[in-house]
Protein backbone atom coordinates (compact mmCIF):
# COMPACT_ATOMS: atom_id res chain seq x y z
CA MET A 1 0.00 0.00 0.00
CA LYS A 2 1.30 3.45 -0.87
CA GLN A 3 1.97 5.78 2.03
CA MET A 4 0.48 9.05 0.78
CA THR A 5 0.40 11.91 3.20
CA SER A 6 -1.98 14.83 3.04
CA GLU A 7 1.03 17.08 2.36
CA ASN A 8 1.98 15.35 -0.90
CA THR A 9 -0.31 17.10 -3.39
CA GLU A 10 2.04 16.80 -6.37
CA LEU A 11 2.31 13.01 -6.09
CA LEU A 12 -1.42 12.76 -5.57
CA LEU A 13 -2.00 14.92 -8.66
CA GLU A 14 0.27 12.59 -10.65
CA ALA A 15 -1.73 9.59 -9.43
CA VAL A 16 -4.99 11.29 -10.43
CA LEU A 17 -3.70 12.22 -13.89
CA GLU A 18 -2.33 8.72 -14.40
CA GLY A 19 -5.67 7.19 -13.43
CA LEU A 20 -7.57 9.57 -15.70
CA MET A 21 -5.33 9.04 -18.71
CA ARG A 22 -5.02 5.28 -18.30
CA SER A 23 -8.72 4.74 -18.72
CA CYS A 24 -11.76 6.92 -18.51
CA ARG A 25 -13.87 4.75 -16.30
CA PRO A 26 -16.72 6.06 -14.22
CA SER A 27 -15.76 8.43 -11.44
CA SER A 28 -16.73 5.82 -8.83
CA ASP A 29 -14.02 3.45 -10.14
CA LEU A 30 -11.36 6.15 -9.97
CA LEU A 31 -12.42 7.22 -6.49
CA THR A 32 -12.46 3.64 -5.21
CA ARG A 33 -8.95 3.01 -6.56
CA LEU A 34 -7.53 6.22 -5.10
CA CYS A 35 -9.16 5.55 -1.72
CA THR A 36 -7.67 2.07 -1.72
CA ASP A 37 -4.20 3.28 -2.69
CA TYR A 38 -4.12 6.36 -0.42
CA PRO A 39 -6.41 5.69 2.58
CA GLY A 40 -4.67 8.14 4.92
CA THR A 41 -5.03 11.12 2.60
CA ARG A 42 -7.41 13.87 3.63
CA ALA A 43 -10.45 13.96 1.37
CA ILE A 44 -10.06 17.69 0.76
CA ARG A 45 -6.51 17.09 -0.55
CA LEU A 46 -7.78 14.58 -3.12
CA GLN A 47 -10.55 16.97 -4.11
CA LEU A 48 -7.91 19.64 -4.72
CA ALA A 49 -5.84 17.24 -6.85
CA LEU A 50 -8.91 16.29 -8.90
CA LEU A 51 -9.77 19.90 -9.59
CA MET A 52 -6.13 20.67 -10.42
CA ALA A 53 -6.19 17.77 -12.89
CA ASP A 54 -9.40 19.09 -14.46
CA GLN A 55 -7.77 22.49 -14.90
CA ALA A 56 -4.53 21.03 -16.30
CA ILE A 57 -6.42 18.93 -18.83
CA ALA A 58 -8.57 21.88 -19.91
CA GLU A 59 -5.51 24.11 -20.34
CA THR A 60 -3.43 21.45 -22.12
CA PHE A 61 -6.00 20.26 -24.64
CA THR A 62 -7.50 23.58 -25.73
CA ASP A 63 -7.46 22.81 -29.48
CA THR A 64 -9.14 19.40 -29.27
CA THR A 65 -12.43 18.14 -27.97
CA PRO A 66 -13.82 20.90 -25.74
CA ALA A 67 -15.27 18.50 -23.19
CA ARG A 68 -12.47 15.99 -22.72
CA PRO A 69 -13.76 12.81 -21.09
CA GLU A 70 -10.86 12.82 -18.62
CA ALA A 71 -11.80 16.30 -17.41
CA ARG A 72 -15.44 15.27 -17.02
CA VAL A 73 -14.41 12.26 -14.94
CA ALA A 74 -12.16 14.44 -12.77
CA ARG A 75 -15.02 16.88 -12.10
CA ALA A 76 -17.54 14.10 -11.45
CA THR A 77 -15.10 12.40 -9.06
CA ALA A 78 -14.48 15.66 -7.20
CA LEU A 79 -18.23 16.19 -6.84
CA ARG A 80 -18.79 12.63 -5.58
CA LEU A 81 -15.89 13.00 -3.17
CA ALA A 82 -17.29 16.27 -1.81
CA THR A 83 -20.66 14.59 -1.23
CA LEU A 84 -19.15 11.59 0.57
CA ALA A 85 -16.82 13.78 2.64
CA ASP A 86 -19.73 15.98 3.67
CA GLN A 87 -21.65 12.89 4.82
CA ALA A 88 -18.63 11.61 6.77
CA GLU A 89 -18.15 14.99 8.41
CA GLY A 90 -21.84 15.09 9.31
CA ALA A 91 -21.36 11.75 11.03
CA GLY A 92 -18.66 13.29 13.24
CA CYS A 93 -15.50 12.50 11.31
CA SER A 94 -12.99 15.34 11.20
CA PRO A 95 -10.71 15.59 9.37
CA VAL A 96 -12.20 13.28 6.78
CA ARG A 97 -9.66 10.85 5.33
CA LEU A 98 -10.24 8.64 2.31
CA ARG A 99 -10.54 5.55 4.51
CA ASP A 100 -13.53 7.25 6.23
CA LEU A 101 -15.65 7.49 3.09
CA ASN A 102 -18.66 5.25 2.70
CA LEU A 103 -18.04 3.99 -0.82
């Protein structure tokens, strides 16, 4: 198991981009894999990495398909993560880590 800390945003961003580019599966698959690989990471840190990936994809591929599937998956995953983290926080978990999410 990878030992990702909440301070390692660049490595987390690389993992997100790798997952997005490897295959554009549903956001739930990407989120499940990242939660499995990085259970100790704060949910808000992964949400930041997902939104950074969305922005990087949008800025990099400006002359191609306007709605890149990878960017859509990143946004959908960030939204799902925010929903699950909000539920975990409402149940008394703070800070919310990926292992705390009810996938």
